[in-house]
PDB file of N, CA and C in Angstrom:
ATOM      1  N   MET A   1      97.292  97.559 104.596  1.00  0.00           N
ATOM      2  CA  MET A   1      97.353  98.233 105.871  1.00  0.00           C
ATOM      3  C   MET A   1      95.973  98.326 106.504  1.00  0.00           C
ATOM      4  N   PHE A   2      94.965  98.473 105.671  1.00  0.00           N
ATOM      5  CA  PHE A   2      93.609  98.598 106.201  1.00  0.00           C
ATOM      6  C   PHE A   2      93.223  97.366 107.016  1.00  0.00           C
ATOM      7  N   TYR A   3      93.488  96.178 106.475  1.00  0.00           N
ATOM      8  CA  TYR A   3      93.116  94.951 107.182  1.00  0.00           C
ATOM      9  C   TYR A   3      93.962  94.751 108.430  1.00  0.00           C
ATOM     10  N   LEU A   4      95.193  95.203 108.408  1.00  0.00           N
ATOM     11  CA  LEU A   4      96.014  95.160 109.614  1.00  0.00           C
ATOM     12  C   LEU A   4      95.459  96.112 110.670  1.00  0.00           C
ATOM     13  N   ALA A   5      95.025  97.289 110.239  1.00  0.00           N
ATOM     14  CA  ALA A   5      94.414  98.232 111.177  1.00  0.00           C
ATOM     15  C   ALA A   5      93.144  97.635 111.775  1.00  0.00           C
ATOM     16  N   GLU A   6      92.356  96.955 110.938  1.00  0.00           N
ATOM     17  CA  GLU A   6      91.160  96.277 111.447  1.00  0.00           C
ATOM     18  C   GLU A   6      91.528  95.217 112.482  1.00  0.00           C
ATOM     19  N   ALA A   7      92.570  94.448 112.206  1.00  0.00           N
ATOM     20  CA  ALA A   7      93.000  93.413 113.149  1.00  0.00           C
ATOM     21  C   ALA A   7      93.462  94.016 114.465  1.00  0.00           C
ATOM     22  N   LEU A   8      94.199  95.110 114.384  1.00  0.00           N
ATOM     23  CA  LEU A   8      94.636  95.788 115.606  1.00  0.00           C
ATOM     24  C   LEU A   8      93.443  96.287 116.407  1.00  0.00           C
ATOM     25  N   LEU A   9      92.470  96.852 115.732  1.00  0.00           N
ATOM     26  CA  LEU A   9      91.262  97.329 116.421  1.00  0.00           C
ATOM     27  C   LEU A   9      90.478  96.160 117.008  1.00  0.00           C
ATOM     28  N   LEU A  10      90.391  95.065 116.279  1.00  0.00           N
ATOM     29  CA  LEU A  10      89.708  93.880 116.805  1.00  0.00           C
ATOM     30  C   LEU A  10      90.389  93.356 118.066  1.00  0.00           C
ATOM     31  N   SER A  11      91.709  93.485 118.124  1.00  0.00           N
ATOM     32  CA  SER A  11      92.437  93.050 119.321  1.00  0.00           C
ATOM     33  C   SER A  11      92.061  93.889 120.536  1.00  0.00           C
ATOM     34  N   GLU A  12      91.468  95.052 120.302  1.00  0.00           N
ATOM     35  CA  GLU A  12      90.996  95.936 121.361  1.00  0.00           C
ATOM     36  C   GLU A  12      89.481  95.813 121.546  1.00  0.00           C
ATOM     37  N   GLY A  13      88.878  94.855 120.839  1.00  0.00           N
ATOM     38  CA  GLY A  13      87.437  94.641 120.945  1.00  0.00           C
ATOM     39  C   GLY A  13      86.599  95.602 120.129  1.00  0.00           C
ATOM     40  N   LEU A  14      87.207  96.235 119.125  1.00  0.00           N
ATOM     41  CA  LEU A  14      86.516  97.230 118.308  1.00  0.00           C
ATOM     42  C   LEU A  14      86.365  96.748 116.871  1.00  0.00           C
ATOM     43  N   SER A  15      85.207  97.018 116.281  1.00  0.00           N
ATOM     44  CA  SER A  15      84.930  96.615 114.904  1.00  0.00           C
ATOM     45  C   SER A  15      84.120  97.707 114.222  1.00  0.00           C
ATOM     46  N   PHE A  16      84.430  97.954 112.954  1.00  0.00           N
ATOM     47  CA  PHE A  16      83.754  99.011 112.203  1.00  0.00           C
ATOM     48  C   PHE A  16      83.403  98.514 110.814  1.00  0.00           C
ATOM     49  N   SER A  17      82.312  99.028 110.268  1.00  0.00           N
ATOM     50  CA  SER A  17      81.844  98.556 108.966  1.00  0.00           C
ATOM     51  C   SER A  17      82.297  99.446 107.803  1.00  0.00           C
ATOM     52  N   LYS A  18      82.861 100.593 108.097  1.00  0.00           N
ATOM     53  CA  LYS A  18      83.277 101.517 107.041  1.00  0.00           C
ATOM     54  C   LYS A  18      84.755 101.853 107.175  1.00  0.00           C
ATOM     55  N   HIS A  19      85.367 102.138 106.026  1.00  0.00           N
ATOM     56  CA  HIS A  19      86.764 102.556 106.031  1.00  0.00           C
ATOM     57  C   HIS A  19      86.975 103.775 106.925  1.00  0.00           C
ATOM     58  N   SER A  20      86.078 104.735 106.825  1.00  0.00           N
ATOM     59  CA  SER A  20      86.220 105.965 107.617  1.00  0.00           C
ATOM     60  C   SER A  20      86.205 105.666 109.111  1.00  0.00           C
ATOM     61  N   GLY A  21      85.405 104.701 109.514  1.00  0.00           N
ATOM     62  CA  GLY A  21      85.349 104.316 110.925  1.00  0.00           C
ATOM     63  C   GLY A  21      86.652 103.703 111.395  1.00  0.00           C
ATOM     64  N   VAL A  22      87.244 102.865 110.562  1.00  0.00           N
ATOM     65  CA  VAL A  22      88.523 102.239 110.900  1.00  0.00           C
ATOM     66  C   VAL A  22      89.616 103.307 110.995  1.00  0.00           C
ATOM     67  N   LEU A  23      89.659 104.207 110.025  1.00  0.00           N
ATOM     68  CA  LEU A  23      90.685 105.260 110.031  1.00  0.00           C
ATOM     69  C   LEU A  23      90.573 106.129 111.281  1.00  0.00           C
ATOM     70  N   ALA A  24      89.368 106.554 111.599  1.00  0.00           N
ATOM     71  CA  ALA A  24      89.162 107.417 112.760  1.00  0.00           C
ATOM     72  C   ALA A  24      89.460 106.680 114.061  1.00  0.00           C
ATOM     73  N   ALA A  25      88.972 105.459 114.172  1.00  0.00           N
ATOM     74  CA  ALA A  25      89.167 104.693 115.403  1.00  0.00           C
ATOM     75  C   ALA A  25      90.637 104.340 115.615  1.00  0.00           C
ATOM     76  N   PHE A  26      91.359 104.062 114.541  1.00  0.00           N
ATOM     77  CA  PHE A  26      92.785 103.759 114.665  1.00  0.00           C
ATOM     78  C   PHE A  26      93.502 104.963 115.277  1.00  0.00           C
ATOM     79  N   GLY A  27      93.200 106.141 114.772  1.00  0.00           N
ATOM     80  CA  GLY A  27      93.814 107.354 115.320  1.00  0.00           C
ATOM     81  C   GLY A  27      93.451 107.555 116.782  1.00  0.00           C
ATOM     82  N   LYS A  28      92.195 107.368 117.100  1.00  0.00           N
ATOM     83  CA  LYS A  28      91.733 107.585 118.478  1.00  0.00           C
ATOM     84  C   LYS A  28      92.285 106.529 119.425  1.00  0.00           C
ATOM     85  N   GLN A  29      92.190 105.275 119.034  1.00  0.00           N
ATOM     86  CA  GLN A  29      92.542 104.165 119.917  1.00  0.00           C
ATOM     87  C   GLN A  29      94.050 104.010 120.113  1.00  0.00           C
ATOM     88  N   PHE A  30      94.817 104.259 119.067  1.00  0.00           N
ATOM     89  CA  PHE A  30      96.244 103.969 119.139  1.00  0.00           C
ATOM     90  C   PHE A  30      97.139 105.207 119.146  1.00  0.00           C
ATOM     91  N   VAL A  31      96.799 106.205 118.361  1.00  0.00           N
ATOM     92  CA  VAL A  31      97.680 107.374 118.270  1.00  0.00           C
ATOM     93  C   VAL A  31      97.429 108.333 119.426  1.00  0.00           C
ATOM     94  N   LYS A  32      96.184 108.668 119.675  1.00  0.00           N
ATOM     95  CA  LYS A  32      95.895 109.611 120.768  1.00  0.00           C
ATOM     96  C   LYS A  32      96.282 109.046 122.125  1.00  0.00           C
ATOM     97  N   SER A  33      96.239 107.733 122.259  1.00  0.00           N
ATOM     98  CA  SER A  33      96.642 107.092 123.518  1.00  0.00           C
ATOM     99  C   SER A  33      98.156 106.854 123.568  1.00  0.00           C
ATOM    100  N   ARG A  34      98.833 107.219 122.480  1.00  0.00           N
ATOM    101  CA  ARG A  34     100.294 107.104 122.356  1.00  0.00           C
ATOM    102  C   ARG A  34     100.792 105.654 122.364  1.00  0.00           C
ATOM    103  N   LYS A  35      99.926 104.726 121.994  1.00  0.00           N
ATOM    104  CA  LYS A  35     100.352 103.330 121.855  1.00  0.00           C
ATOM    105  C   LYS A  35     101.153 103.143 120.571  1.00  0.00           C
ATOM    106  N   ILE A  36     100.813 103.954 119.570  1.00  0.00           N
ATOM    107  CA  ILE A  36     101.438 103.865 118.250  1.00  0.00           C
ATOM    108  C   ILE A  36     101.760 105.277 117.774  1.00  0.00           C
ATOM    109  N   SER A  37     102.896 105.416 117.109  1.00  0.00           N
ATOM    110  CA  SER A  37     103.328 106.705 116.581  1.00  0.00           C
ATOM    111  C   SER A  37     102.347 107.222 115.526  1.00  0.00           C
ATOM    112  N   GLU A  38     102.205 108.528 115.479  1.00  0.00           N
ATOM    113  CA  GLU A  38     101.304 109.175 114.530  1.00  0.00           C
ATOM    114  C   GLU A  38     101.657 108.864 113.070  1.00  0.00           C
ATOM    115  N   GLU A  39     102.923 108.587 112.809  1.00  0.00           N
ATOM    116  CA  GLU A  39     103.321 108.310 111.431  1.00  0.00           C
ATOM    117  C   GLU A  39     102.556 107.118 110.859  1.00  0.00           C
ATOM    118  N   PHE A  40     102.194 106.147 111.695  1.00  0.00           N
ATOM    119  CA  PHE A  40     101.470 104.985 111.199  1.00  0.00           C
ATOM    120  C   PHE A  40     100.030 105.333 110.829  1.00  0.00           C
ATOM    121  N   HIS A  41      99.458 106.288 111.528  1.00  0.00           N
ATOM    122  CA  HIS A  41      98.130 106.762 111.137  1.00  0.00           C
ATOM    123  C   HIS A  41      98.226 107.476 109.799  1.00  0.00           C
ATOM    124  N   GLN A  42      99.298 108.236 109.617  1.00  0.00           N
ATOM    125  CA  GLN A  42      99.520 108.906 108.332  1.00  0.00           C
ATOM    126  C   GLN A  42      99.684 107.891 107.213  1.00  0.00           C
ATOM    127  N   TYR A  43     100.434 106.824 107.466  1.00  0.00           N
ATOM    128  CA  TYR A  43     100.594 105.767 106.462  1.00  0.00           C
ATOM    129  C   TYR A  43      99.235 105.182 106.080  1.00  0.00           C
ATOM    130  N   LEU A  44      98.401 104.961 107.085  1.00  0.00           N
ATOM    131  CA  LEU A  44      97.087 104.377 106.850  1.00  0.00           C
ATOM    132  C   LEU A  44      96.209 105.320 106.027  1.00  0.00           C
ATOM    133  N   VAL A  45      96.170 106.577 106.399  1.00  0.00           N
ATOM    134  CA  VAL A  45      95.363 107.569 105.679  1.00  0.00           C
ATOM    135  C   VAL A  45      95.877 107.730 104.247  1.00  0.00           C
ATOM    136  N   GLU A  46      97.195 107.844 104.106  1.00  0.00           N
ATOM    137  CA  GLU A  46      97.779 107.986 102.772  1.00  0.00           C
ATOM    138  C   GLU A  46      97.493 106.742 101.924  1.00  0.00           C
ATOM    139  N   GLY A  47      97.578 105.582 102.524  1.00  0.00           N
ATOM    140  CA  GLY A  47      97.279 104.348 101.808  1.00  0.00           C
ATOM    141  C   GLY A  47      95.844 104.307 101.319  1.00  0.00           C
ATOM    142  N   HIS A  48      94.936 104.771 102.164  1.00  0.00           N
ATOM    143  CA  HIS A  48      93.518 104.822 101.775  1.00  0.00           C
ATOM    144  C   HIS A  48      93.313 105.793 100.610  1.00  0.00           C
ATOM    145  N   GLN A  49      93.946 106.948 100.687  1.00  0.00           N
ATOM    146  CA  GLN A  49      93.845 107.931  99.605  1.00  0.00           C
ATOM    147  C   GLN A  49      94.428 107.378  98.309  1.00  0.00           C
ATOM    148  N   ASN A  50      95.569 106.711  98.407  1.00  0.00           N
ATOM    149  CA  ASN A  50      96.198 106.141  97.214  1.00  0.00           C
ATOM    150  C   ASN A  50      95.363 105.017  96.624  1.00  0.00           C
ATOM    151  N   ARG A  51      94.732 104.239  97.477  1.00  0.00           N
ATOM    152  CA  ARG A  51      93.845 103.185  96.985  1.00  0.00           C
ATOM    153  C   ARG A  51      92.693 103.794  96.199  1.00  0.00           C
ATOM    154  N   ASN A  52      92.123 104.863  96.734  1.00  0.00           N
ATOM    155  CA  ASN A  52      91.020 105.525  96.023  1.00  0.00           C
ATOM    156  C   ASN A  52      91.474 106.082  94.679  1.00  0.00           C
ATOM    157  N   ILE A  53      92.656 106.655  94.646  1.00  0.00           N
ATOM    158  CA  ILE A  53      93.196 107.171  93.384  1.00  0.00           C
ATOM    159  C   ILE A  53      93.371 106.026  92.392  1.00  0.00           C
ATOM    160  N   SER A  54      93.985 104.949  92.844  1.00  0.00           N
ATOM    161  CA  SER A  54      94.270 103.815  91.961  1.00  0.00           C
ATOM    162  C   SER A  54      93.005 103.122  91.472  1.00  0.00           C
ATOM    163  N   ASP A  55      92.009 103.007  92.356  1.00  0.00           N
ATOM    164  CA  ASP A  55      90.790 102.275  92.004  1.00  0.00           C
ATOM    165  C   ASP A  55      89.752 103.110  91.257  1.00  0.00           C
ATOM    166  N   TYR A  56      89.665 104.392  91.583  1.00  0.00           N
ATOM    167  CA  TYR A  56      88.524 105.168  91.098  1.00  0.00           C
ATOM    168  C   TYR A  56      88.869 106.383  90.245  1.00  0.00           C
ATOM    169  N   ASP A  57      90.097 106.878  90.322  1.00  0.00           N
ATOM    170  CA  ASP A  57      90.462 108.077  89.574  1.00  0.00           C
ATOM    171  C   ASP A  57      90.694 107.712  88.110  1.00  0.00           C
ATOM    172  N   SER A  58      90.238 108.568  87.227  1.00  0.00           N
ATOM    173  CA  SER A  58      90.421 108.306  85.787  1.00  0.00           C
ATOM    174  C   SER A  58      91.753 108.840  85.272  1.00  0.00           C
ATOM    175  N   GLY A  59      92.528 109.460  86.161  1.00  0.00           N
ATOM    176  CA  GLY A  59      93.821 110.009  85.769  1.00  0.00           C
ATOM    177  C   GLY A  59      94.896 108.937  85.690  1.00  0.00           C
ATOM    178  N   PRO A  60      96.149 109.367  85.689  1.00  0.00           N
ATOM    179  CA  PRO A  60      97.259 108.430  85.491  1.00  0.00           C
ATOM    180  C   PRO A  60      97.521 107.494  86.677  1.00  0.00           C
ATOM    181  N   GLY A  61      96.904 107.735  87.809  1.00  0.00           N
ATOM    182  CA  GLY A  61      97.138 106.878  88.972  1.00  0.00           C
ATOM    183  C   GLY A  61      98.400 107.277  89.710  1.00  0.00           C
ATOM    184  N   LEU A  62      99.008 106.321  90.375  1.00  0.00           N
ATOM    185  CA  LEU A  62     100.215 106.593  91.152  1.00  0.00           C
ATOM    186  C   LEU A  62     101.458 106.432  90.290  1.00  0.00           C
ATOM    187  N   SER A  63     102.463 107.211  90.624  1.00  0.00           N
ATOM    188  CA  SER A  63     103.753 107.052  89.950  1.00  0.00           C
ATOM    189  C   SER A  63     104.473 105.844  90.546  1.00  0.00           C
ATOM    190  N   LYS A  64     105.511 105.420  89.874  1.00  0.00           N
ATOM    191  CA  LYS A  64     106.315 104.307  90.373  1.00  0.00           C
ATOM    192  C   LYS A  64     106.883 104.642  91.754  1.00  0.00           C
ATOM    193  N   GLU A  65     107.337 105.862  91.939  1.00  0.00           N
ATOM    194  CA  GLU A  65     107.911 106.293  93.209  1.00  0.00           C
ATOM    195  C   GLU A  65     106.859 106.263  94.324  1.00  0.00           C
ATOM    196  N   GLN A  66     105.640 106.725  94.010  1.00  0.00           N
ATOM    197  CA  GLN A  66     104.569 106.697  95.007  1.00  0.00           C
ATOM    198  C   GLN A  66     104.221 105.262  95.390  1.00  0.00           C
ATOM    199  N   ALA A  67     104.188 104.381  94.407  1.00  0.00           N
ATOM    200  CA  ALA A  67     103.880 102.975  94.666  1.00  0.00           C
ATOM    201  C   ALA A  67     104.974 102.332  95.522  1.00  0.00           C
ATOM    202  N   GLU A  68     106.226 102.626  95.217  1.00  0.00           N
ATOM    203  CA  GLU A  68     107.336 102.077  95.995  1.00  0.00           C
ATOM    204  C   GLU A  68     107.289 102.572  97.438  1.00  0.00           C
ATOM    205  N   LYS A  69     106.980 103.852  97.602  1.00  0.00           N
ATOM    206  CA  LYS A  69     106.856 104.427  98.951  1.00  0.00           C
ATOM    207  C   LYS A  69     105.721 103.740  99.714  1.00  0.00           C
ATOM    208  N   GLN A  70     104.630 103.476  99.027  1.00  0.00           N
ATOM    209  CA  GLN A  70     103.478 102.821  99.642  1.00  0.00           C
ATOM    210  C   GLN A  70     103.840 101.408 100.108  1.00  0.00           C
ATOM    211  N   ILE A  71     104.616 100.705  99.308  1.00  0.00           N
ATOM    212  CA  ILE A  71     105.046  99.348  99.672  1.00  0.00           C
ATOM    213  C   ILE A  71     105.931  99.382 100.914  1.00  0.00           C
ATOM    214  N   ILE A  72     106.819 100.336 100.984  1.00  0.00           N
ATOM    215  CA  ILE A  72     107.687 100.480 102.167  1.00  0.00           C
ATOM    216  C   ILE A  72     106.855 100.758 103.404  1.00  0.00           C
ATOM    217  N   HIS A  73     105.896 101.660 103.287  1.00  0.00           N
ATOM    218  CA  HIS A  73     105.031 101.984 104.432  1.00  0.00           C
ATOM    219  C   HIS A  73     104.204 100.774 104.850  1.00  0.00           C
ATOM    220  N   ALA A  74     103.737 100.015 103.881  1.00  0.00           N
ATOM    221  CA  ALA A  74     102.961  98.814 104.195  1.00  0.00           C
ATOM    222  C   ALA A  74     103.822  97.800 104.946  1.00  0.00           C
ATOM    223  N   ASP A  75     105.075  97.682 104.575  1.00  0.00           N
ATOM    224  CA  ASP A  75     105.981  96.776 105.278  1.00  0.00           C
ATOM    225  C   ASP A  75     106.189  97.243 106.719  1.00  0.00           C
ATOM    226  N   TYR A  76     106.383  98.536 106.927  1.00  0.00           N
ATOM    227  CA  TYR A  76     106.517  99.070 108.288  1.00  0.00           C
ATOM    228  C   TYR A  76     105.252  98.771 109.100  1.00  0.00           C
ATOM    229  N   PHE A  77     104.110  98.932 108.458  1.00  0.00           N
ATOM    230  CA  PHE A  77     102.831  98.712 109.129  1.00  0.00           C
ATOM    231  C   PHE A  77     102.699  97.232 109.508  1.00  0.00           C
ATOM    232  N   LEU A  78     103.120  96.345 108.633  1.00  0.00           N
ATOM    233  CA  LEU A  78     103.089  94.917 108.921  1.00  0.00           C
ATOM    234  C   LEU A  78     103.978  94.590 110.121  1.00  0.00           C
ATOM    235  N   GLN A  79     105.167  95.157 110.160  1.00  0.00           N
ATOM    236  CA  GLN A  79     106.074  94.939 111.292  1.00  0.00           C
ATOM    237  C   GLN A  79     105.452  95.427 112.592  1.00  0.00           C
ATOM    238  N   LEU A  80     104.792  96.571 112.533  1.00  0.00           N
ATOM    239  CA  LEU A  80     104.109  97.103 113.716  1.00  0.00           C
ATOM    240  C   LEU A  80     103.011  96.154 114.182  1.00  0.00           C
ATOM    241  N   ALA A  81     102.193  95.687 113.253  1.00  0.00           N
ATOM    242  CA  ALA A  81     101.097  94.784 113.600  1.00  0.00           C
ATOM    243  C   ALA A  81     101.642  93.487 114.196  1.00  0.00           C
ATOM    244  N   GLN A  82     102.743  92.986 113.659  1.00  0.00           N
ATOM    245  CA  GLN A  82     103.353  91.766 114.200  1.00  0.00           C
ATOM    246  C   GLN A  82     103.813  91.955 115.638  1.00  0.00           C
ATOM    247  N   LYS A  83     104.316  93.156 115.955  1.00  0.00           N
ATOM    248  CA  LYS A  83     104.714  93.457 117.325  1.00  0.00           C
ATOM    249  C   LYS A  83     103.511  93.379 118.260  1.00  0.00           C
ATOM    250  N   PHE A  84     102.397  93.949 117.834  1.00  0.00           N
ATOM    251  CA  PHE A  84     101.204  94.015 118.670  1.00  0.00           C
ATOM    252  C   PHE A  84     100.452  92.684 118.738  1.00  0.00           C
ATOM    253  N   LEU A  85     100.394  91.993 117.617  1.00  0.00           N
ATOM    254  CA  LEU A  85      99.548  90.811 117.519  1.00  0.00           C
ATOM    255  C   LEU A  85     100.324  89.503 117.583  1.00  0.00           C
ATOM    256  N   GLY A  86     101.628  89.572 117.490  1.00  0.00           N
ATOM    257  CA  GLY A  86     102.444  88.364 117.421  1.00  0.00           C
ATOM    258  C   GLY A  86     102.694  88.008 115.977  1.00  0.00           C
ATOM    259  N   ALA A  87     103.609  87.091 115.775  1.00  0.00           N
ATOM    260  CA  ALA A  87     103.982  86.688 114.409  1.00  0.00           C
ATOM    261  C   ALA A  87     102.834  85.981 113.731  1.00  0.00           C
ATOM    262  N   PHE A  88     102.708  86.196 112.438  1.00  0.00           N
ATOM    263  CA  PHE A  88     101.688  85.537 111.621  1.00  0.00           C
ATOM    264  C   PHE A  88     102.310  84.297 110.986  1.00  0.00           C
ATOM    265  N   PRO A  89     101.504  83.296 110.718  1.00  0.00           N
ATOM    266  CA  PRO A  89     102.056  82.103 110.034  1.00  0.00           C
ATOM    267  C   PRO A  89     102.461  82.417 108.608  1.00  0.00           C
TER     268      PRO A  89
END
């Protein structure tokens, strides 16, 4: 979802070097302007948090249910990006 968010921002002429910049700009550029529903910003933020848990947390990581939910949200995000950017090869 992060790279899709970057692509959407690039389509608006915006580029950021940090994850935090992409997350904030996505909310500002697309959600506050009502181009995209707030739920997609939530998916993006939750995905970033889950990535950090999976990559850096020493605990058990994500449950199977959390991972499945993340995959569903990523699919929704892909469909959204395809609407905005056109179909991908």
